[in-house]
Amino acid sequence: VYSQNKIAYIVKTDGTSVITDSTLNEIEEKINALSFYRANRQTILHASSIEQVQPIENGKLTVHLKPTLVDTKATQLTISRYKKQEFLNWFENKS
């Protein structure tokens, strides 16, 4: 799930996106915190969408997302050093 230009999109497992009227905060309240993680202000991740996690400078993490059928490029996002441990704890419970 991601937000762009104040519009929230839900990316389905086949890679297609659906526009929703809800905000990310509203979506975050409704989803299962065990399966989803709020990575930043624009993104909520599902555990199965993560391909690889790598440490980078200043204690941050880069999360590589699995490519989809629609977007064959793997995308990535950064987890801040402040959320790093919380993210790692969540992600390790998924593996």
C-alpha atoms as a PDB file:
ATOM      1  CA  VAL A   1       0.000   0.000   0.000  1.00  0.00           C
ATOM      2  CA  TYR A   2       1.410   3.394  -0.891  1.00  0.00           C
ATOM      3  CA  SER A   3       0.393   7.008  -1.125  1.00  0.00           C
ATOM      4  CA  GLN A   4       1.232   9.381  -3.946  1.00  0.00           C
ATOM      5  CA  ASN A   5      -0.158  12.888  -4.386  1.00  0.00           C
ATOM      6  CA  LYS A   6      -2.572  12.336  -1.472  1.00  0.00           C
ATOM      7  CA  ILE A   7      -4.101   9.258  -3.130  1.00  0.00           C
ATOM      8  CA  ALA A   8      -3.706   5.811  -1.544  1.00  0.00           C
ATOM      9  CA  TYR A   9      -3.081   2.812  -3.796  1.00  0.00           C
ATOM     10  CA  ILE A  10      -3.328  -0.834  -2.871  1.00  0.00           C
ATOM     11  CA  VAL A  11      -1.037  -3.049  -4.932  1.00  0.00           C
ATOM     12  CA  LYS A  12      -2.498  -6.517  -5.427  1.00  0.00           C
ATOM     13  CA  THR A  13      -0.419  -9.688  -5.642  1.00  0.00           C
ATOM     14  CA  ASP A  14      -0.602  -9.659  -9.450  1.00  0.00           C
ATOM     15  CA  GLY A  15       0.986  -6.198  -9.472  1.00  0.00           C
ATOM     16  CA  THR A  16      -2.072  -4.183 -10.424  1.00  0.00           C
ATOM     17  CA  SER A  17      -3.029  -1.182  -8.292  1.00  0.00           C
ATOM     18  CA  VAL A  18      -6.408  -0.186  -6.921  1.00  0.00           C
ATOM     19  CA  ILE A  19      -7.203   3.372  -5.807  1.00  0.00           C
ATOM     20  CA  THR A  20      -8.874   3.664  -2.416  1.00  0.00           C
ATOM     21  CA  ASP A  21     -10.724   6.521  -0.749  1.00  0.00           C
ATOM     22  CA  SER A  22      -9.068   5.724   2.582  1.00  0.00           C
ATOM     23  CA  THR A  23      -5.932   7.392   3.874  1.00  0.00           C
ATOM     24  CA  LEU A  24      -2.887   5.343   4.859  1.00  0.00           C
ATOM     25  CA  ASN A  25      -3.703   6.030   8.512  1.00  0.00           C
ATOM     26  CA  GLU A  26      -7.212   4.616   8.044  1.00  0.00           C
ATOM     27  CA  ILE A  27      -5.850   1.587   6.204  1.00  0.00           C
ATOM     28  CA  GLU A  28      -3.210   1.032   8.870  1.00  0.00           C
ATOM     29  CA  GLU A  29      -5.934   0.876  11.548  1.00  0.00           C
ATOM     30  CA  LYS A  30      -7.821  -1.835   9.637  1.00  0.00           C
ATOM     31  CA  ILE A  31      -4.987  -4.180   8.643  1.00  0.00           C
ATOM     32  CA  ASN A  32      -3.237  -6.922  10.569  1.00  0.00           C
ATOM     33  CA  ALA A  33      -0.067  -5.519  12.176  1.00  0.00           C
ATOM     34  CA  LEU A  34       1.481  -8.980  12.100  1.00  0.00           C
ATOM     35  CA  SER A  35       1.419  -9.103   8.284  1.00  0.00           C
ATOM     36  CA  PHE A  36       1.860  -5.408   7.451  1.00  0.00           C
ATOM     37  CA  TYR A  37       4.391  -2.768   8.528  1.00  0.00           C
ATOM     38  CA  ARG A  38       4.215   1.017   8.141  1.00  0.00           C
ATOM     39  CA  ALA A  39       7.656   1.691   6.659  1.00  0.00           C
ATOM     40  CA  ASN A  40       7.264   5.463   6.296  1.00  0.00           C
ATOM     41  CA  ARG A  41       4.661   8.153   5.674  1.00  0.00           C
ATOM     42  CA  GLN A  42       4.023   6.910   2.134  1.00  0.00           C
ATOM     43  CA  THR A  43       4.292   3.120   2.393  1.00  0.00           C
ATOM     44  CA  ILE A  44       2.799   0.135   4.197  1.00  0.00           C
ATOM     45  CA  LEU A  45       4.585  -3.133   3.419  1.00  0.00           C
ATOM     46  CA  HIS A  46       3.304  -6.693   3.404  1.00  0.00           C
ATOM     47  CA  ALA A  47       5.844  -9.271   4.545  1.00  0.00           C
ATOM     48  CA  SER A  48       5.556 -11.295   1.315  1.00  0.00           C
ATOM     49  CA  SER A  49       6.455  -8.258  -0.829  1.00  0.00           C
ATOM     50  CA  ILE A  50       9.977  -8.033   0.633  1.00  0.00           C
ATOM     51  CA  GLU A  51      12.740  -9.662  -1.362  1.00  0.00           C
ATOM     52  CA  GLN A  52      15.845  -8.488   0.500  1.00  0.00           C
ATOM     53  CA  VAL A  53      16.905  -6.224   3.377  1.00  0.00           C
ATOM     54  CA  GLN A  54      20.353  -4.607   3.397  1.00  0.00           C
ATOM     55  CA  PRO A  55      22.070  -2.282   5.886  1.00  0.00           C
ATOM     56  CA  ILE A  56      23.267   1.053   4.477  1.00  0.00           C
ATOM     57  CA  GLU A  57      24.998   4.150   5.855  1.00  0.00           C
ATOM     58  CA  ASN A  58      24.035   5.832   9.127  1.00  0.00           C
ATOM     59  CA  GLY A  59      22.277   2.772  10.503  1.00  0.00           C
ATOM     60  CA  LYS A  60      19.518   2.784   7.879  1.00  0.00           C
ATOM     61  CA  LEU A  61      18.150  -0.176   5.928  1.00  0.00           C
ATOM     62  CA  THR A  62      17.306  -0.566   2.263  1.00  0.00           C
ATOM     63  CA  VAL A  63      14.337  -2.828   1.581  1.00  0.00           C
ATOM     64  CA  HIS A  64      14.172  -4.332  -1.909  1.00  0.00           C
ATOM     65  CA  LEU A  65      10.626  -5.209  -2.924  1.00  0.00           C
ATOM     66  CA  LYS A  66       9.820  -8.125  -5.191  1.00  0.00           C
ATOM     67  CA  PRO A  67       9.161  -7.191  -8.805  1.00  0.00           C
ATOM     68  CA  THR A  68       5.572  -7.570  -9.964  1.00  0.00           C
ATOM     69  CA  LEU A  69       4.139  -8.699 -13.274  1.00  0.00           C
ATOM     70  CA  VAL A  70       3.184  -5.117 -14.093  1.00  0.00           C
ATOM     71  CA  ASP A  71       6.423  -3.501 -12.913  1.00  0.00           C
ATOM     72  CA  THR A  72       9.266  -5.922 -13.628  1.00  0.00           C
ATOM     73  CA  LYS A  73      11.845  -3.658 -11.960  1.00  0.00           C
ATOM     74  CA  ALA A  74      12.472  -4.311  -8.308  1.00  0.00           C
ATOM     75  CA  THR A  75      11.770  -1.202  -6.272  1.00  0.00           C
ATOM     76  CA  GLN A  76      13.389  -0.226  -3.027  1.00  0.00           C
ATOM     77  CA  LEU A  77      12.755   2.023  -0.073  1.00  0.00           C
ATOM     78  CA  THR A  78      14.691   3.122   2.981  1.00  0.00           C
ATOM     79  CA  ILE A  79      13.906   2.383   6.611  1.00  0.00           C
ATOM     80  CA  SER A  80      15.199   5.111   8.919  1.00  0.00           C
ATOM     81  CA  ARG A  81      17.643   4.283  11.675  1.00  0.00           C
ATOM     82  CA  TYR A  82      14.937   5.219  14.180  1.00  0.00           C
ATOM     83  CA  LYS A  83      12.581   2.516  12.847  1.00  0.00           C
ATOM     84  CA  LYS A  84      15.330  -0.001  12.037  1.00  0.00           C
ATOM     85  CA  GLN A  85      15.070  -2.192  15.142  1.00  0.00           C
ATOM     86  CA  GLU A  86      11.271  -2.179  15.137  1.00  0.00           C
ATOM     87  CA  PHE A  87      11.274  -3.206  11.454  1.00  0.00           C
ATOM     88  CA  LEU A  88      13.861  -5.951  12.000  1.00  0.00           C
ATOM     89  CA  ASN A  89      11.863  -7.363  14.927  1.00  0.00           C
ATOM     90  CA  TRP A  90       8.709  -7.417  12.774  1.00  0.00           C
ATOM     91  CA  PHE A  91      10.482  -8.888   9.747  1.00  0.00           C
ATOM     92  CA  GLU A  92      12.304 -11.611  11.694  1.00  0.00           C
ATOM     93  CA  ASN A  93       8.962 -12.846  13.018  1.00  0.00           C
ATOM     94  CA  LYS A  94       7.813 -13.257   9.404  1.00  0.00           C
ATOM     95  CA  SER A  95      10.746 -15.384   8.263  1.00  0.00           C
END
